[in-house]
Protein backbone atom coordinates (compact mmCIF):
# COMPACT_ATOMS: atom_id res chain seq x y z
CA UNK A 1 0.00 0.00 0.00
CA UNK A 2 1.41 3.37 -1.03
CA UNK A 3 -0.57 6.55 -0.30
CA UNK A 4 1.50 9.59 -1.22
CA UNK A 5 1.15 13.20 -2.34
CA UNK A 6 3.51 15.24 -4.51
CA UNK A 7 4.03 18.91 -3.68
CA UNK A 8 5.82 21.50 -5.75
CA UNK A 9 5.41 24.76 -7.61
CA UNK A 10 4.21 24.96 -11.21
CA UNK A 11 7.08 23.71 -13.35
CA UNK A 12 8.60 21.56 -10.60
CA UNK A 13 7.91 18.33 -12.48
CA UNK A 14 5.10 16.85 -10.36
CA UNK A 15 3.19 15.58 -13.39
CA UNK A 16 6.23 13.93 -14.95
CA UNK A 17 7.34 12.23 -11.73
CA UNK A 18 3.80 11.23 -10.82
CA UNK A 19 3.46 9.47 -14.16
CA UNK A 20 6.76 7.61 -13.69
CA UNK A 21 5.81 6.50 -10.17
CA UNK A 22 2.40 5.39 -11.40
CA UNK A 23 3.99 3.22 -14.08
CA UNK A 24 6.59 1.75 -11.72
CA UNK A 25 4.27 0.87 -8.84
CA UNK A 26 1.08 0.29 -10.84
CA UNK A 27 -1.01 2.72 -8.82
CA UNK A 28 -3.02 5.64 -10.22
CA UNK A 29 -1.73 9.18 -10.53
CA UNK A 30 -4.63 11.37 -9.41
CA UNK A 31 -4.72 14.94 -10.67
CA UNK A 32 -7.45 17.30 -9.51
CA UNK A 33 -7.47 19.01 -12.90
CA UNK A 34 -8.26 15.71 -14.62
CA UNK A 35 -10.83 14.79 -11.98
CA UNK A 36 -12.68 18.09 -12.35
CA UNK A 37 -12.78 17.78 -16.14
CA UNK A 38 -14.01 14.18 -15.90
CA UNK A 39 -16.68 15.06 -13.32
CA UNK A 40 -17.96 17.93 -15.46
CA UNK A 41 -17.98 15.77 -18.60
CA UNK A 42 -19.82 12.96 -16.79
CA UNK A 43 -22.44 15.36 -15.45
CA UNK A 44 -22.19 13.98 -11.91
CA UNK A 45 -23.82 15.97 -9.09
CA UNK A 46 -20.43 17.29 -7.96
CA UNK A 47 -19.43 17.83 -11.58
CA UNK A 48 -22.49 20.03 -12.11
CA UNK A 49 -21.57 22.12 -9.07
CA UNK A 50 -17.99 22.45 -10.33
CA UNK A 51 -19.21 23.41 -13.80
CA UNK A 52 -21.47 26.12 -12.39
CA UNK A 53 -18.55 27.64 -10.51
CA UNK A 54 -16.23 27.53 -13.52
CA UNK A 55 -18.84 29.04 -15.84
CA UNK A 56 -19.31 31.86 -13.35
CA UNK A 57 -15.58 32.51 -13.46
CA UNK A 58 -15.12 31.36 -9.87
CA UNK A 59 -12.71 28.90 -8.29
CA UNK A 60 -14.22 25.52 -7.51
CA UNK A 61 -14.67 25.39 -3.73
CA UNK A 62 -12.33 23.39 -1.51
CA UNK A 63 -15.29 21.31 -0.35
CA UNK A 64 -16.27 20.25 -3.88
CA UNK A 65 -12.68 19.48 -4.88
CA UNK A 66 -12.07 17.40 -1.75
CA UNK A 67 -15.30 15.45 -2.23
CA UNK A 68 -14.44 14.72 -5.87
CA UNK A 69 -11.02 13.46 -4.76
CA UNK A 70 -12.71 11.38 -2.06
CA UNK A 71 -14.94 9.69 -4.64
CA UNK A 72 -11.87 8.87 -6.73
CA UNK A 73 -9.90 7.36 -3.85
CA UNK A 74 -12.50 4.65 -3.19
CA UNK A 75 -12.45 3.34 -6.75
CA UNK A 76 -11.06 -0.15 -7.27
CA UNK A 77 -7.75 0.83 -8.87
CA UNK A 78 -6.83 2.97 -5.85
CA UNK A 79 -7.28 0.25 -3.23
CA UNK A 80 -3.55 -0.57 -3.32
CA UNK A 81 -2.48 3.05 -3.21
CA UNK A 82 -2.31 6.25 -5.22
CA UNK A 83 -0.27 9.33 -6.02
CA UNK A 84 -1.95 12.69 -5.44
CA UNK A 85 -0.65 15.20 -7.97
CA UNK A 86 -1.45 18.82 -7.17
CA UNK A 87 -3.72 18.05 -4.22
CA UNK A 88 -4.04 19.31 -1.57
CA UNK A 89 -3.39 22.89 -2.70
CA UNK A 90 -3.97 24.66 0.60
CA UNK A 91 -4.34 24.06 4.33
CA UNK A 92 -8.13 23.79 4.18
CA UNK A 93 -7.90 20.98 1.63
CA UNK A 94 -5.10 19.29 3.58
CA UNK A 95 -7.09 19.26 6.82
CA UNK A 96 -10.21 17.99 5.06
CA UNK A 97 -8.18 15.26 3.37
CA UNK A 98 -6.67 14.21 6.70
CA UNK A 99 -10.11 14.01 8.29
CA UNK A 100 -11.49 11.96 5.41
CA UNK A 101 -8.56 9.53 5.30
CA UNK A 102 -8.41 9.16 9.09
CA UNK A 103 -12.06 8.12 9.12
CA UNK A 104 -11.05 5.29 6.77
CA UNK A 105 -7.95 4.51 8.86
CA UNK A 106 -5.84 5.09 5.74
CA UNK A 107 -3.83 8.30 6.28
CA UNK A 108 -1.29 9.65 3.83
CA UNK A 109 2.03 7.92 4.35
CA UNK A 110 4.41 10.37 2.68
CA UNK A 111 4.37 13.82 1.12
CA UNK A 112 7.24 14.57 -1.25
CA UNK A 113 8.28 18.10 -2.12
CA UNK A 114 10.01 18.64 -5.46
CA UNK A 115 12.21 21.57 -4.50
CA UNK A 116 13.18 23.90 -7.38
CA UNK A 117 14.60 27.44 -7.24
CA UNK A 118 12.43 30.31 -8.47
CA UNK A 119 14.83 31.20 -11.31
CA UNK A 120 14.79 27.63 -12.64
CA UNK A 121 11.00 27.49 -12.48
CA UNK A 122 10.77 30.70 -14.50
CA UNK A 123 13.10 29.32 -17.17
CA UNK A 124 11.27 26.00 -17.32
CA UNK A 125 7.93 27.71 -17.87
CA UNK A 126 8.79 30.81 -19.92
CA UNK A 127 11.19 28.83 -22.12
CA UNK A 128 8.64 26.21 -23.12
CA UNK A 129 7.88 26.00 -26.85
CA UNK A 130 5.58 23.54 -28.63
CA UNK A 131 5.61 22.54 -32.28
CA UNK A 132 2.13 23.29 -33.54
CA UNK A 133 2.51 20.70 -36.29
CA UNK A 134 3.65 17.58 -34.40
CA UNK A 135 3.34 18.49 -30.71
CA UNK A 136 7.02 18.10 -29.78
CA UNK A 137 7.86 20.19 -26.70
CA UNK A 138 11.15 22.08 -26.30
CA UNK A 139 12.67 24.41 -23.75
CA UNK A 140 14.83 27.26 -25.01
CA UNK A 141 17.07 27.01 -21.93
CA UNK A 142 17.29 23.29 -21.18
CA UNK A 143 16.30 21.33 -24.30
CA UNK A 144 16.27 23.72 -27.26
CA UNK A 145 15.76 22.72 -30.90
CA UNK A 146 18.92 22.75 -33.02
CA UNK A 147 17.48 25.70 -34.93
CA UNK A 148 15.59 28.05 -32.60
CA UNK A 149 12.86 28.61 -35.19
CA UNK A 150 12.45 25.06 -36.48
CA UNK A 151 11.24 21.72 -35.08
CA UNK A 152 13.89 18.99 -35.08
CA UNK A 153 11.27 16.28 -35.55
CA UNK A 154 9.14 17.50 -38.44
CA UNK A 155 10.90 20.61 -39.75
CA UNK A 156 7.95 22.91 -39.05
CA UNK A 157 8.63 26.57 -38.28
CA UNK A 158 5.54 26.73 -36.06
CA UNK A 159 7.18 26.72 -32.62
CA UNK A 160 4.75 28.54 -30.35
CA UNK A 161 4.62 29.72 -26.76
CA UNK A 162 1.40 29.09 -24.85
CA UNK A 163 -0.45 32.30 -23.99
CA UNK A 164 -0.26 31.50 -20.26
CA UNK A 165 3.50 30.88 -20.39
CA UNK A 166 4.34 34.58 -20.38
CA UNK A 167 6.48 35.93 -17.56
CA UNK A 168 3.78 37.94 -15.76
CA UNK A 169 1.24 35.11 -15.72
CA UNK A 170 3.84 32.64 -14.48
CA UNK A 171 5.04 35.07 -11.81
CA UNK A 172 1.44 35.34 -10.58
CA UNK A 173 1.05 31.54 -10.52
CA UNK A 174 4.23 31.17 -8.48
CA UNK A 175 3.08 33.86 -6.06
CA UNK A 176 -0.21 32.01 -5.60
CA UNK A 177 1.75 28.85 -4.86
CA UNK A 178 3.86 30.64 -2.24
CA UNK A 179 0.76 32.04 -0.56
CA UNK A 180 -1.53 28.99 -0.65
CA UNK A 181 0.51 25.83 -1.11
CA UNK A 182 3.90 26.52 0.47
CA UNK A 183 2.37 26.50 4.01
CA UNK A 184 1.68 22.79 3.46
CA UNK A 185 5.43 22.19 3.77
CA UNK A 186 5.35 23.09 7.47
CA UNK A 187 2.02 21.31 7.95
CA UNK A 188 3.30 17.96 6.73
CA UNK A 189 6.76 18.42 8.25
CA UNK A 190 5.06 18.72 11.65
CA UNK A 191 3.43 15.33 10.98
CA UNK A 192 6.78 13.79 10.11
CA UNK A 193 5.60 12.94 6.60
CA UNK A 194 7.52 15.47 4.48
CA UNK A 195 10.47 14.49 2.30
CA UNK A 196 12.35 16.93 0.08
CA UNK A 197 13.88 16.01 -3.27
CA UNK A 198 16.06 18.24 -5.42
CA UNK A 199 13.82 18.93 -8.40
CA UNK A 200 16.62 20.43 -10.51
CA UNK A 201 18.30 17.08 -11.19
CA UNK A 202 17.56 15.23 -14.43
CA UNK A 203 14.29 13.31 -14.69
CA UNK A 204 15.86 9.87 -14.18
CA UNK A 205 17.85 10.88 -11.09
CA UNK A 206 14.80 12.51 -9.52
CA UNK A 207 12.74 9.38 -10.17
CA UNK A 208 15.43 7.20 -8.58
CA UNK A 209 15.61 9.47 -5.53
CA UNK A 210 11.83 9.34 -5.13
CA UNK A 211 11.81 5.55 -5.36
CA UNK A 212 14.58 5.24 -2.77
CA UNK A 213 12.65 7.42 -0.33
CA UNK A 214 9.43 5.48 -0.82
CA UNK A 215 11.02 2.04 -0.59
CA UNK A 216 12.88 2.92 2.61
CA UNK A 217 9.97 4.77 4.19
CA UNK A 218 6.91 2.69 3.31
């Protein structure tokens, strides 16, 4: 049984590492973004509430998000464990999650922080470019194409930057993380569940470090 959560700022690599852990240990990677989209598409009662909030331009409430996560955690493929990716996002969600899991006598076992410096996060996010023709993703700082204006894979000159990858938007996202999510570091450290991993290493080394922590701890 492996019940873990991944913490980290936007651009820290949570999604990538969550996917690798999911494949290695054969447990689901659970992303709140995916869950919300699925709930809305399915038209479930909670999905309808989430849709109403999103259509009104509001954030989906902590209560709705936590309940949607709770419904996901009792599905058959999560009985042997799961990886929470991007949840909880704040102290309210963390406390609600603890209450819910404690009632099932299945508390989180480990919370892993992918620790990345602000400057690196900015480069990871602002430097991202996607080939509009074939979907190949580059980073101008860390994994650039051979020709800065041309895709190595298909030769297209349509390398684009997502509209929300501009510096101001990313700066705002990182500030939101510092305000809402960073306090979770102290919260889980006080429970003795927090483990920090250097998120600036290469993907393989980070994955190996995560696995070592989990196999020693759990």
